[in-house]
């Protein structure tokens, strides 16, 4: 079994926004659902700047962690 390092931290703005776009696409398509009692407040507070970039100041730890986890799982499916 080949061990791959976990890519859990976005190193650039591009990677960070890619993770959030993957999350948004899964939410729009209905592939991602949350169980009752799980707070999605952090995801609801994420805002865009006028140039359609993600406002870093609106992203909390919960939203970042959800986006990174989903992007990591998406990468696992490709291998």
C-alpha atoms as a PDB file:
ATOM      1  CA  UNK A   1       0.000   0.000   0.000  1.00  0.00           C
ATOM      2  CA  UNK A   2       1.381   3.348  -1.025  1.00  0.00           C
ATOM      3  CA  UNK A   3       1.178   6.018   1.662  1.00  0.00           C
ATOM      4  CA  UNK A   4       0.386   9.503   0.413  1.00  0.00           C
ATOM      5  CA  UNK A   5       0.872  12.636   2.484  1.00  0.00           C
ATOM      6  CA  UNK A   6      -2.338  14.357   3.484  1.00  0.00           C
ATOM      7  CA  UNK A   7      -2.887  17.729   1.836  1.00  0.00           C
ATOM      8  CA  UNK A   8      -4.864  19.350   4.606  1.00  0.00           C
ATOM      9  CA  UNK A   9      -3.754  22.952   4.425  1.00  0.00           C
ATOM     10  CA  UNK A  10      -4.218  25.150   1.386  1.00  0.00           C
ATOM     11  CA  UNK A  11      -0.893  26.828   0.694  1.00  0.00           C
ATOM     12  CA  UNK A  12      -2.134  29.446  -1.739  1.00  0.00           C
ATOM     13  CA  UNK A  13      -5.257  31.534  -2.177  1.00  0.00           C
ATOM     14  CA  UNK A  14      -5.997  29.577  -5.323  1.00  0.00           C
ATOM     15  CA  UNK A  15      -6.040  26.250  -3.433  1.00  0.00           C
ATOM     16  CA  UNK A  16      -8.119  27.790  -0.639  1.00  0.00           C
ATOM     17  CA  UNK A  17     -10.752  29.076  -3.053  1.00  0.00           C
ATOM     18  CA  UNK A  18     -10.707  25.795  -4.991  1.00  0.00           C
ATOM     19  CA  UNK A  19     -11.617  23.932  -1.801  1.00  0.00           C
ATOM     20  CA  UNK A  20     -14.538  26.291  -1.200  1.00  0.00           C
ATOM     21  CA  UNK A  21     -15.744  26.005  -4.793  1.00  0.00           C
ATOM     22  CA  UNK A  22     -15.756  22.200  -4.457  1.00  0.00           C
ATOM     23  CA  UNK A  23     -17.777  22.574  -1.255  1.00  0.00           C
ATOM     24  CA  UNK A  24     -20.233  24.978  -2.894  1.00  0.00           C
ATOM     25  CA  UNK A  25     -20.721  22.647  -5.873  1.00  0.00           C
ATOM     26  CA  UNK A  26     -21.443  19.690  -3.612  1.00  0.00           C
ATOM     27  CA  UNK A  27     -23.957  21.753  -1.646  1.00  0.00           C
ATOM     28  CA  UNK A  28     -25.701  22.993  -4.822  1.00  0.00           C
ATOM     29  CA  UNK A  29     -25.926  19.529  -6.347  1.00  0.00           C
ATOM     30  CA  UNK A  30     -27.246  17.941  -3.149  1.00  0.00           C
ATOM     31  CA  UNK A  31     -24.251  15.628  -2.705  1.00  0.00           C
ATOM     32  CA  UNK A  32     -23.504  17.129   0.699  1.00  0.00           C
ATOM     33  CA  UNK A  33     -26.070  16.984   3.452  1.00  0.00           C
ATOM     34  CA  UNK A  34     -25.791  17.789   7.108  1.00  0.00           C
ATOM     35  CA  UNK A  35     -27.411  15.828   9.900  1.00  0.00           C
ATOM     36  CA  UNK A  36     -29.819  17.595  12.186  1.00  0.00           C
ATOM     37  CA  UNK A  37     -27.974  19.343  14.994  1.00  0.00           C
ATOM     38  CA  UNK A  38     -24.802  20.086  13.038  1.00  0.00           C
ATOM     39  CA  UNK A  39     -24.164  23.805  12.850  1.00  0.00           C
ATOM     40  CA  UNK A  40     -23.726  25.244   9.363  1.00  0.00           C
ATOM     41  CA  UNK A  41     -23.527  28.784  10.681  1.00  0.00           C
ATOM     42  CA  UNK A  42     -19.871  29.139   9.652  1.00  0.00           C
ATOM     43  CA  UNK A  43     -20.642  28.168   6.053  1.00  0.00           C
ATOM     44  CA  UNK A  44     -23.569  30.581   5.902  1.00  0.00           C
ATOM     45  CA  UNK A  45     -21.326  33.484   6.913  1.00  0.00           C
ATOM     46  CA  UNK A  46     -18.802  33.062   4.087  1.00  0.00           C
ATOM     47  CA  UNK A  47     -19.005  36.126   1.834  1.00  0.00           C
ATOM     48  CA  UNK A  48     -17.581  37.176  -1.508  1.00  0.00           C
ATOM     49  CA  UNK A  49     -15.759  40.368  -2.359  1.00  0.00           C
ATOM     50  CA  UNK A  50     -17.007  42.545  -5.235  1.00  0.00           C
ATOM     51  CA  UNK A  51     -14.498  40.850  -7.552  1.00  0.00           C
ATOM     52  CA  UNK A  52     -16.054  37.422  -6.660  1.00  0.00           C
ATOM     53  CA  UNK A  53     -13.081  36.311  -4.549  1.00  0.00           C
ATOM     54  CA  UNK A  54     -13.761  34.829  -1.125  1.00  0.00           C
ATOM     55  CA  UNK A  55     -13.469  37.271   1.747  1.00  0.00           C
ATOM     56  CA  UNK A  56     -10.945  35.639   4.090  1.00  0.00           C
ATOM     57  CA  UNK A  57     -12.273  37.585   7.053  1.00  0.00           C
ATOM     58  CA  UNK A  58     -15.680  35.913   6.717  1.00  0.00           C
ATOM     59  CA  UNK A  59     -14.300  32.349   6.891  1.00  0.00           C
ATOM     60  CA  UNK A  60     -14.156  30.743  10.317  1.00  0.00           C
ATOM     61  CA  UNK A  61     -12.373  27.562  11.383  1.00  0.00           C
ATOM     62  CA  UNK A  62     -15.450  25.392  10.972  1.00  0.00           C
ATOM     63  CA  UNK A  63     -16.027  26.467   7.365  1.00  0.00           C
ATOM     64  CA  UNK A  64     -12.350  26.094   6.496  1.00  0.00           C
ATOM     65  CA  UNK A  65     -12.179  22.631   8.026  1.00  0.00           C
ATOM     66  CA  UNK A  66     -15.309  21.481   6.166  1.00  0.00           C
ATOM     67  CA  UNK A  67     -13.976  22.755   2.831  1.00  0.00           C
ATOM     68  CA  UNK A  68     -10.543  21.180   3.339  1.00  0.00           C
ATOM     69  CA  UNK A  69     -12.021  17.832   4.408  1.00  0.00           C
ATOM     70  CA  UNK A  70     -14.331  17.658   1.430  1.00  0.00           C
ATOM     71  CA  UNK A  71     -11.545  18.608  -1.001  1.00  0.00           C
ATOM     72  CA  UNK A  72      -9.308  15.921   0.533  1.00  0.00           C
ATOM     73  CA  UNK A  73     -12.028  13.276   0.145  1.00  0.00           C
ATOM     74  CA  UNK A  74     -12.565  14.440  -3.443  1.00  0.00           C
ATOM     75  CA  UNK A  75      -8.842  13.877  -4.138  1.00  0.00           C
ATOM     76  CA  UNK A  76      -8.995  10.366  -2.617  1.00  0.00           C
ATOM     77  CA  UNK A  77     -11.730   9.355  -5.051  1.00  0.00           C
ATOM     78  CA  UNK A  78      -9.543  10.256  -8.023  1.00  0.00           C
ATOM     79  CA  UNK A  79      -6.835   7.705  -7.145  1.00  0.00           C
END
